[in-house]
């Protein structure tokens, strides 16, 4: 009797799993949303700018860095760099990371902010 209940229980669990998968994958589909990088939260945008700065430190390609920054701030890529420096200091980025962002700011011809001009004086190795 006990064995029969366990088998029935396992069958009910399997039927529920398969019904849930069929409903989720085939019957009830969620709409696809194409989100852009400028809709990211501020800390994620700062992380993205840091990744662009790290890439720039390796390949020294200003055009690519500018294009990548336009993905996050189409109208003013310089604003995203300045915002990343401010958020990076608030979030506790390392000195090396802040220097990389400062060097990217200088390389793009943006008038350096007071925070980045002090940080960019030191030598950074990628």
C-alpha atoms as a PDB file:
ATOM      1  CA  UNK A   1       0.000   0.000   0.000  1.00  0.00           C
ATOM      2  CA  UNK A   2       2.799   2.425   0.964  1.00  0.00           C
ATOM      3  CA  UNK A   3       4.741   1.632  -2.205  1.00  0.00           C
ATOM      4  CA  UNK A   4       1.680   2.338  -4.360  1.00  0.00           C
ATOM      5  CA  UNK A   5       1.230   5.801  -2.751  1.00  0.00           C
ATOM      6  CA  UNK A   6       4.877   6.671  -3.396  1.00  0.00           C
ATOM      7  CA  UNK A   7       4.595   5.704  -7.049  1.00  0.00           C
ATOM      8  CA  UNK A   8       1.414   7.769  -7.412  1.00  0.00           C
ATOM      9  CA  UNK A   9       3.134  10.723  -5.732  1.00  0.00           C
ATOM     10  CA  UNK A  10       6.134  10.523  -8.079  1.00  0.00           C
ATOM     11  CA  UNK A  11       3.862  10.290 -11.139  1.00  0.00           C
ATOM     12  CA  UNK A  12       1.921  13.365  -9.964  1.00  0.00           C
ATOM     13  CA  UNK A  13       5.191  15.289  -9.491  1.00  0.00           C
ATOM     14  CA  UNK A  14       6.413  14.334 -12.984  1.00  0.00           C
ATOM     15  CA  UNK A  15       3.081  15.263 -14.579  1.00  0.00           C
ATOM     16  CA  UNK A  16       3.221  18.640 -12.809  1.00  0.00           C
ATOM     17  CA  UNK A  17       6.775  19.303 -13.976  1.00  0.00           C
ATOM     18  CA  UNK A  18       5.958  18.425 -17.588  1.00  0.00           C
ATOM     19  CA  UNK A  19       2.736  20.466 -17.546  1.00  0.00           C
ATOM     20  CA  UNK A  20       4.642  23.459 -16.151  1.00  0.00           C
ATOM     21  CA  UNK A  21       7.346  23.179 -18.795  1.00  0.00           C
ATOM     22  CA  UNK A  22       4.817  22.895 -21.621  1.00  0.00           C
ATOM     23  CA  UNK A  23       2.873  25.890 -20.342  1.00  0.00           C
ATOM     24  CA  UNK A  24       6.001  27.985 -19.821  1.00  0.00           C
ATOM     25  CA  UNK A  25       7.740  27.184 -23.075  1.00  0.00           C
ATOM     26  CA  UNK A  26       4.866  26.715 -25.514  1.00  0.00           C
ATOM     27  CA  UNK A  27       1.598  28.183 -24.305  1.00  0.00           C
ATOM     28  CA  UNK A  28       2.386  31.263 -22.204  1.00  0.00           C
ATOM     29  CA  UNK A  29       5.283  33.160 -23.769  1.00  0.00           C
ATOM     30  CA  UNK A  30       6.606  36.349 -22.250  1.00  0.00           C
ATOM     31  CA  UNK A  31       7.165  39.301 -24.557  1.00  0.00           C
ATOM     32  CA  UNK A  32      10.717  39.934 -25.697  1.00  0.00           C
ATOM     33  CA  UNK A  33      12.078  43.285 -24.576  1.00  0.00           C
ATOM     34  CA  UNK A  34      15.086  44.871 -26.203  1.00  0.00           C
ATOM     35  CA  UNK A  35      16.716  46.956 -23.532  1.00  0.00           C
ATOM     36  CA  UNK A  36      19.498  49.385 -24.277  1.00  0.00           C
ATOM     37  CA  UNK A  37      22.590  50.005 -22.177  1.00  0.00           C
ATOM     38  CA  UNK A  38      21.424  53.487 -21.201  1.00  0.00           C
ATOM     39  CA  UNK A  39      18.569  51.901 -19.258  1.00  0.00           C
ATOM     40  CA  UNK A  40      21.008  50.182 -16.878  1.00  0.00           C
ATOM     41  CA  UNK A  41      21.268  51.187 -13.248  1.00  0.00           C
ATOM     42  CA  UNK A  42      24.037  53.691 -12.466  1.00  0.00           C
ATOM     43  CA  UNK A  43      26.406  51.196 -10.857  1.00  0.00           C
ATOM     44  CA  UNK A  44      26.155  48.883 -13.865  1.00  0.00           C
ATOM     45  CA  UNK A  45      26.820  51.820 -16.188  1.00  0.00           C
ATOM     46  CA  UNK A  46      29.941  52.618 -14.143  1.00  0.00           C
ATOM     47  CA  UNK A  47      31.034  48.983 -14.488  1.00  0.00           C
ATOM     48  CA  UNK A  48      30.523  49.213 -18.249  1.00  0.00           C
ATOM     49  CA  UNK A  49      32.635  52.374 -18.445  1.00  0.00           C
ATOM     50  CA  UNK A  50      35.319  50.581 -16.423  1.00  0.00           C
ATOM     51  CA  UNK A  51      35.266  47.690 -18.908  1.00  0.00           C
ATOM     52  CA  UNK A  52      35.641  50.143 -21.782  1.00  0.00           C
ATOM     53  CA  UNK A  53      38.557  51.793 -19.944  1.00  0.00           C
ATOM     54  CA  UNK A  54      40.238  48.411 -19.426  1.00  0.00           C
ATOM     55  CA  UNK A  55      39.800  47.576 -23.111  1.00  0.00           C
ATOM     56  CA  UNK A  56      41.195  50.977 -24.053  1.00  0.00           C
ATOM     57  CA  UNK A  57      44.233  50.427 -21.811  1.00  0.00           C
ATOM     58  CA  UNK A  58      45.058  47.318 -23.834  1.00  0.00           C
ATOM     59  CA  UNK A  59      44.388  48.384 -27.433  1.00  0.00           C
ATOM     60  CA  UNK A  60      44.618  52.237 -27.204  1.00  0.00           C
ATOM     61  CA  UNK A  61      41.830  52.620 -29.795  1.00  0.00           C
ATOM     62  CA  UNK A  62      40.025  55.906 -29.172  1.00  0.00           C
ATOM     63  CA  UNK A  63      37.402  55.353 -31.884  1.00  0.00           C
ATOM     64  CA  UNK A  64      36.332  51.998 -30.481  1.00  0.00           C
ATOM     65  CA  UNK A  65      36.195  53.387 -26.949  1.00  0.00           C
ATOM     66  CA  UNK A  66      34.059  56.311 -28.104  1.00  0.00           C
ATOM     67  CA  UNK A  67      31.711  53.993 -29.993  1.00  0.00           C
ATOM     68  CA  UNK A  68      31.321  51.760 -26.954  1.00  0.00           C
ATOM     69  CA  UNK A  69      30.616  54.748 -24.717  1.00  0.00           C
ATOM     70  CA  UNK A  70      27.983  56.003 -27.161  1.00  0.00           C
ATOM     71  CA  UNK A  71      26.085  52.769 -26.496  1.00  0.00           C
ATOM     72  CA  UNK A  72      25.593  53.866 -22.912  1.00  0.00           C
ATOM     73  CA  UNK A  73      25.215  57.621 -23.481  1.00  0.00           C
ATOM     74  CA  UNK A  74      24.451  58.431 -27.122  1.00  0.00           C
ATOM     75  CA  UNK A  75      24.348  62.200 -26.692  1.00  0.00           C
ATOM     76  CA  UNK A  76      27.377  62.757 -24.433  1.00  0.00           C
ATOM     77  CA  UNK A  77      29.888  59.936 -23.814  1.00  0.00           C
ATOM     78  CA  UNK A  78      31.953  62.278 -21.626  1.00  0.00           C
ATOM     79  CA  UNK A  79      29.106  62.520 -19.149  1.00  0.00           C
ATOM     80  CA  UNK A  80      29.143  58.755 -18.666  1.00  0.00           C
ATOM     81  CA  UNK A  81      32.863  58.865 -17.848  1.00  0.00           C
ATOM     82  CA  UNK A  82      32.429  61.632 -15.279  1.00  0.00           C
ATOM     83  CA  UNK A  83      29.474  59.811 -13.729  1.00  0.00           C
ATOM     84  CA  UNK A  84      31.482  56.573 -13.625  1.00  0.00           C
ATOM     85  CA  UNK A  85      34.299  58.339 -11.760  1.00  0.00           C
ATOM     86  CA  UNK A  86      31.891  59.700  -9.172  1.00  0.00           C
ATOM     87  CA  UNK A  87      30.114  56.373  -8.722  1.00  0.00           C
ATOM     88  CA  UNK A  88      33.406  54.485  -8.729  1.00  0.00           C
ATOM     89  CA  UNK A  89      34.632  56.518  -5.782  1.00  0.00           C
ATOM     90  CA  UNK A  90      31.345  55.984  -3.951  1.00  0.00           C
ATOM     91  CA  UNK A  91      31.312  52.250  -4.679  1.00  0.00           C
ATOM     92  CA  UNK A  92      34.907  51.727  -3.613  1.00  0.00           C
ATOM     93  CA  UNK A  93      36.623  51.063  -6.932  1.00  0.00           C
ATOM     94  CA  UNK A  94      40.325  50.429  -6.533  1.00  0.00           C
ATOM     95  CA  UNK A  95      42.814  53.172  -7.289  1.00  0.00           C
ATOM     96  CA  UNK A  96      43.912  51.297 -10.411  1.00  0.00           C
ATOM     97  CA  UNK A  97      40.353  51.172 -11.743  1.00  0.00           C
ATOM     98  CA  UNK A  98      39.806  54.863 -11.114  1.00  0.00           C
ATOM     99  CA  UNK A  99      43.110  55.633 -12.856  1.00  0.00           C
ATOM    100  CA  UNK A 100      42.031  53.635 -15.902  1.00  0.00           C
ATOM    101  CA  UNK A 101      38.795  55.600 -16.147  1.00  0.00           C
ATOM    102  CA  UNK A 102      40.739  58.844 -15.696  1.00  0.00           C
ATOM    103  CA  UNK A 103      43.157  57.893 -18.466  1.00  0.00           C
ATOM    104  CA  UNK A 104      40.233  57.110 -20.759  1.00  0.00           C
ATOM    105  CA  UNK A 105      38.762  60.507 -19.953  1.00  0.00           C
ATOM    106  CA  UNK A 106      42.021  62.240 -20.875  1.00  0.00           C
ATOM    107  CA  UNK A 107      42.510  60.163 -24.032  1.00  0.00           C
ATOM    108  CA  UNK A 108      39.058  61.077 -25.329  1.00  0.00           C
ATOM    109  CA  UNK A 109      39.921  64.754 -24.996  1.00  0.00           C
ATOM    110  CA  UNK A 110      37.455  65.393 -22.227  1.00  0.00           C
ATOM    111  CA  UNK A 111      38.549  68.144 -19.872  1.00  0.00           C
ATOM    112  CA  UNK A 112      39.550  66.057 -16.867  1.00  0.00           C
ATOM    113  CA  UNK A 113      37.610  66.433 -13.672  1.00  0.00           C
ATOM    114  CA  UNK A 114      39.497  67.214 -10.470  1.00  0.00           C
ATOM    115  CA  UNK A 115      39.258  63.602  -9.330  1.00  0.00           C
ATOM    116  CA  UNK A 116      40.544  62.107 -12.558  1.00  0.00           C
ATOM    117  CA  UNK A 117      43.409  64.574 -13.026  1.00  0.00           C
ATOM    118  CA  UNK A 118      44.892  63.570  -9.690  1.00  0.00           C
ATOM    119  CA  UNK A 119      44.420  59.869 -10.403  1.00  0.00           C
ATOM    120  CA  UNK A 120      45.762  59.869 -13.945  1.00  0.00           C
ATOM    121  CA  UNK A 121      49.202  61.162 -12.991  1.00  0.00           C
ATOM    122  CA  UNK A 122      50.363  57.734 -11.859  1.00  0.00           C
ATOM    123  CA  UNK A 123      51.486  55.073 -14.323  1.00  0.00           C
ATOM    124  CA  UNK A 124      48.992  52.254 -14.936  1.00  0.00           C
ATOM    125  CA  UNK A 125      49.902  48.893 -16.420  1.00  0.00           C
ATOM    126  CA  UNK A 126      47.106  46.903 -18.072  1.00  0.00           C
END
